[in-house]
Each structure stands twice: as C-alpha cells, then as structure tokens.
C-alpha cells in the first residue's frame, strides 16, 4: 500500500509540474505576442509622425503660394473697383447706362405686334417657346425694362411680362406697328373680337 501511495504521489507531482510548465510557457508566449504588438504600434506611430512632418513641410510652400495668390487677387479687385468708381462717376448723368444692356433688341413701341422667342428649361431640357401678341405696356428703363404682351387664343386672353434684357429671350421679331395714341393700352382688356383690333401704321 505504501508503494502504491508513493507511486500515486510521484505521478501527481509530475503532472502538477507539467501543468505548471505548460502554464509558464503559455504566459511567455502571450507576453511575447503583447511585446511584438507594442513594438508594431510604436513603429506605426513613428511612421505617422514622420508623415505628418513631411506633410507640414510640403504644405508650407503651398500656403505661401496661396497667400501670394490672395494678395494678387486683392490687388486686382481693388483695381477693378477703382475703374468701376470712375465709370460710375462719368455716367452719373446717364441713368440708362448699364454694362449688361442688350444691343440686339429692336425698337419696340406700345401697340406693336411681336414674336418673342423665349427659352424654357424643363427637366434639364431646353426648348424655345414663341409668344406672339400685342404690346400693351412698357415699364421701367435701363436694365429693368419690361414689356407686357397680350394675346387671345381660343377666346382666352393671356398676358406675359418679359424683361427685355433677360438672357432667356433668344430674339424678338416685330411683325407690324399699330397706330395708337397712348402708352398703356389697358382698355383692350375690356374689348373682344374686331373691337380689340388696332389700325396698322403705314
């Protein structure tokens, strides 16, 4: 019995030692992995620091170029403002002076029958819509000049106001001039048929 107990004790002690050795080996492996990961992290941070420094070095001349470009733009803006101020001082007396006035618009008077070719943008597509009618009013002056054109189609009267200097107007054709004695022809709104006709100017 004593020999068997001794053998059992020896076997248990050897198994305990084996398990302790295995645990020690496992801890060492884990520690080595942790250390290797820490070294990798340090290397990555060093690389990022060096890349940031290189970026700062490369960005600094760009910033200098941007500052120089801004200063040049400011100088050009100042020059343009000076020129515009001079032009405005010269043309203070002429209220019809505007730099964007269209020169391809014909002479239009109240009572004229016109064809207005107007650009219409619908869903990304562009088409030209023709609106033919009689000019019953002209308002404003200079770049804000507008005309009111009236037409009747299928017994329904339609009036549209067109800004003459708009870029959406492709062209205006004057079909004929009418004999009128006033600038605003609002009385045509109450008339129908032959009574609403105007005498042609010959």
Protein backbone atom coordinates (compact mmCIF):
# COMPACT_ATOMS: atom_id res chain seq x y z
CA UNK A 1 0.00 0.00 0.00
CA UNK A 2 2.78 2.38 0.79
CA UNK A 3 4.48 1.73 -2.52
CA UNK A 4 1.25 2.42 -4.45
CA UNK A 5 0.72 5.65 -2.48
CA UNK A 6 4.27 6.71 -3.23
CA UNK A 7 3.77 5.99 -6.93
CA UNK A 8 0.50 7.98 -6.90
CA UNK A 9 2.19 10.93 -5.16
CA UNK A 10 5.04 10.83 -7.70
CA UNK A 11 2.60 10.75 -10.61
CA UNK A 12 0.56 13.67 -9.17
CA UNK A 13 3.70 15.73 -8.58
CA UNK A 14 4.92 15.14 -12.14
CA UNK A 15 1.51 16.07 -13.55
CA UNK A 16 1.47 19.24 -11.44
CA UNK A 17 4.94 20.16 -12.69
CA UNK A 18 3.89 19.52 -16.30
CA UNK A 19 0.83 21.72 -15.90
CA UNK A 20 2.91 24.49 -14.27
CA UNK A 21 5.45 24.29 -17.08
CA UNK A 22 2.66 24.44 -19.68
CA UNK A 23 1.12 27.48 -17.93
CA UNK A 24 4.53 29.18 -17.78
CA UNK A 25 5.08 28.50 -21.49
CA UNK A 26 1.62 29.89 -22.31
CA UNK A 27 2.27 33.05 -20.29
CA UNK A 28 5.62 33.53 -22.02
CA UNK A 29 4.00 33.15 -25.45
CA UNK A 30 1.29 35.68 -24.55
CA UNK A 31 3.89 38.12 -23.20
CA UNK A 32 5.94 37.78 -26.40
CA UNK A 33 2.84 38.49 -28.52
CA UNK A 34 1.98 41.56 -26.45
CA UNK A 35 5.53 42.87 -26.74
CA UNK A 36 5.56 42.34 -30.52
CA UNK A 37 2.24 44.18 -30.86
CA UNK A 38 3.55 47.06 -28.74
CA UNK A 39 6.62 47.32 -30.96
CA UNK A 40 4.39 47.35 -34.07
CA UNK A 41 2.30 50.14 -32.58
CA UNK A 42 5.42 52.17 -31.79
CA UNK A 43 6.67 51.73 -35.36
CA UNK A 44 3.32 52.86 -36.77
CA UNK A 45 3.22 55.95 -34.56
CA UNK A 46 6.76 56.86 -35.62
CA UNK A 47 5.78 56.50 -39.29
CA UNK A 48 2.70 58.67 -38.78
CA UNK A 49 4.76 61.33 -37.02
CA UNK A 50 7.29 61.39 -39.85
CA UNK A 51 4.50 61.52 -42.48
CA UNK A 52 2.83 64.42 -40.62
CA UNK A 53 6.13 66.28 -40.54
CA UNK A 54 6.60 65.69 -44.27
CA UNK A 55 3.04 66.92 -44.92
CA UNK A 56 3.72 70.07 -42.93
CA UNK A 57 6.93 70.61 -44.87
CA UNK A 58 5.19 70.08 -48.22
CA UNK A 59 2.12 72.15 -47.27
CA UNK A 60 4.04 75.20 -46.13
CA UNK A 61 5.11 76.33 -49.65
CA UNK A 62 1.54 75.77 -50.86
CA UNK A 63 0.26 78.03 -48.12
CA UNK A 64 2.80 80.67 -49.09
CA UNK A 65 1.65 80.38 -52.72
CA UNK A 66 -1.97 80.70 -51.60
CA UNK A 67 -1.16 83.83 -49.59
CA UNK A 68 0.61 85.35 -52.58
CA UNK A 69 -2.33 84.48 -54.87
CA UNK A 70 -4.77 86.06 -52.40
CA UNK A 71 -2.71 89.24 -52.27
CA UNK A 72 -2.66 89.39 -56.08
CA UNK A 73 -6.45 88.84 -56.21
CA UNK A 74 -6.97 91.61 -53.69
CA UNK A 75 -4.88 93.96 -55.81
CA UNK A 76 -6.88 93.10 -58.95
CA UNK A 77 -10.18 93.57 -57.07
CA UNK A 78 -9.01 97.00 -55.88
CA UNK A 79 -8.10 97.97 -59.44
CA UNK A 80 -11.49 96.83 -60.77
CA UNK A 81 -13.31 98.76 -58.05
CA UNK A 82 -11.35 101.90 -58.89
CA UNK A 83 -12.25 101.53 -62.58
CA UNK A 84 -15.92 100.96 -61.74
CA UNK A 85 -15.97 104.01 -59.48
CA UNK A 86 -14.52 106.12 -62.28
CA UNK A 87 -17.12 104.79 -64.74
CA UNK A 88 -19.96 105.43 -62.29
CA UNK A 89 -18.75 109.00 -61.76
CA UNK A 90 -18.63 109.55 -65.51
CA UNK A 91 -22.11 108.12 -66.13
CA UNK A 92 -24.00 109.56 -63.17
CA UNK A 93 -25.95 111.83 -65.52
CA UNK A 94 -26.98 108.97 -67.85
CA UNK A 95 -29.42 106.79 -65.89
CA UNK A 96 -29.82 104.38 -68.83
CA UNK A 97 -26.14 103.33 -68.65
CA UNK A 98 -25.71 99.68 -67.69
CA UNK A 99 -22.86 97.36 -68.72
CA UNK A 100 -25.18 94.38 -69.47
CA UNK A 101 -27.75 96.08 -71.71
CA UNK A 102 -28.60 94.04 -74.78
CA UNK A 103 -27.97 95.66 -78.14
CA UNK A 104 -29.76 93.09 -80.35
CA UNK A 105 -33.29 94.13 -79.24
CA UNK A 106 -35.27 96.06 -81.90
CA UNK A 107 -37.07 99.35 -81.23
CA UNK A 108 -40.40 98.47 -79.57
CA UNK A 109 -43.41 100.74 -79.01
CA UNK A 110 -46.82 100.24 -77.47
CA UNK A 111 -49.26 98.68 -79.94
CA UNK A 112 -46.60 96.66 -81.79
CA UNK A 113 -47.35 93.04 -82.62
CA UNK A 114 -44.33 90.94 -81.61
CA UNK A 115 -42.98 87.41 -81.73
CA UNK A 116 -40.94 86.71 -78.60
CA UNK A 117 -38.69 83.64 -78.82
CA UNK A 118 -38.31 82.65 -75.14
CA UNK A 119 -36.09 79.83 -73.83
CA UNK A 120 -37.90 77.42 -71.49
CA UNK A 121 -35.93 74.94 -69.36
CA UNK A 122 -37.92 71.87 -68.29
CA UNK A 123 -36.36 68.86 -66.58
CA UNK A 124 -32.85 69.58 -67.80
CA UNK A 125 -34.04 70.06 -71.41
CA UNK A 126 -34.25 73.40 -73.15
CA UNK A 127 -36.71 74.45 -75.84
CA UNK A 128 -37.79 77.71 -77.45
CA UNK A 129 -41.37 78.88 -76.94
CA UNK A 130 -42.81 81.51 -79.30
CA UNK A 131 -45.23 84.01 -77.79
CA UNK A 132 -46.98 86.28 -80.31
CA UNK A 133 -49.12 89.18 -79.17
CA UNK A 134 -49.65 92.93 -78.82
CA UNK A 135 -47.50 95.14 -76.59
CA UNK A 136 -49.95 96.85 -74.22
CA UNK A 137 -47.43 98.36 -71.77
CA UNK A 138 -43.74 99.20 -71.37
CA UNK A 139 -42.35 99.85 -67.90
CA UNK A 140 -39.08 100.89 -66.22
CA UNK A 141 -35.87 101.83 -68.02
CA UNK A 142 -32.34 100.58 -68.44
CA UNK A 143 -31.64 97.02 -67.42
CA UNK A 144 -35.01 96.67 -65.65
CA UNK A 145 -37.07 97.49 -68.76
CA UNK A 146 -40.06 95.18 -69.28
CA UNK A 147 -42.84 94.77 -71.83
CA UNK A 148 -46.33 93.34 -71.31
CA UNK A 149 -47.51 91.27 -74.27
CA UNK A 150 -51.19 90.26 -74.63
CA UNK A 151 -52.69 87.64 -76.92
CA UNK A 152 -56.02 85.83 -77.21
CA UNK A 153 -56.13 82.12 -78.03
CA UNK A 154 -59.40 80.17 -78.27
CA UNK A 155 -61.28 83.03 -76.61
CA UNK A 156 -58.95 83.21 -73.60
CA UNK A 157 -56.69 86.23 -73.15
CA UNK A 158 -53.16 85.76 -71.86
CA UNK A 159 -50.69 88.42 -70.74
CA UNK A 160 -46.99 87.87 -70.15
CA UNK A 161 -44.36 90.25 -68.85
CA UNK A 162 -40.92 89.88 -70.45
CA UNK A 163 -37.75 91.55 -69.13
CA UNK A 164 -36.14 92.90 -72.30
CA UNK A 165 -32.54 92.38 -71.16
CA UNK A 166 -33.07 88.80 -70.00
CA UNK A 167 -30.69 86.18 -71.39
CA UNK A 168 -33.63 83.77 -71.73
CA UNK A 169 -35.01 85.82 -74.62
CA UNK A 170 -33.36 84.48 -77.75
CA UNK A 171 -34.75 87.14 -80.10
CA UNK A 172 -37.72 89.44 -80.69
CA UNK A 173 -39.33 89.99 -84.08
CA UNK A 174 -41.60 92.99 -84.73
CA UNK A 175 -44.38 91.81 -87.06
CA UNK A 176 -46.12 95.19 -87.51
CA UNK A 177 -46.62 98.60 -85.92
CA UNK A 178 -50.04 99.85 -84.89
CA UNK A 179 -51.44 103.39 -84.72
CA UNK A 180 -52.03 104.26 -81.04
CA UNK A 181 -52.30 107.49 -79.06
CA UNK A 182 -51.32 106.30 -75.60
CA UNK A 183 -48.54 104.30 -73.97
CA UNK A 184 -50.68 101.94 -71.88
CA UNK A 185 -53.36 100.02 -73.81
CA UNK A 186 -55.22 98.54 -70.85
CA UNK A 187 -58.56 99.36 -72.47
CA UNK A 188 -58.03 96.33 -74.75
CA UNK A 189 -58.81 94.07 -71.80
CA UNK A 190 -62.48 95.04 -71.98
CA UNK A 191 -62.78 94.61 -75.77
CA UNK A 192 -63.26 91.41 -77.78
CA UNK A 193 -63.07 90.36 -81.39
CA UNK A 194 -62.94 93.07 -84.04
CA UNK A 195 -63.27 95.84 -81.46
CA UNK A 196 -59.92 94.83 -79.96
CA UNK A 197 -58.07 95.23 -83.27
CA UNK A 198 -55.67 98.12 -83.78
CA UNK A 199 -55.12 100.02 -87.03
CA UNK A 200 -51.87 99.18 -88.73
CA UNK A 201 -49.40 102.06 -89.07
CA UNK A 202 -48.39 102.62 -92.71
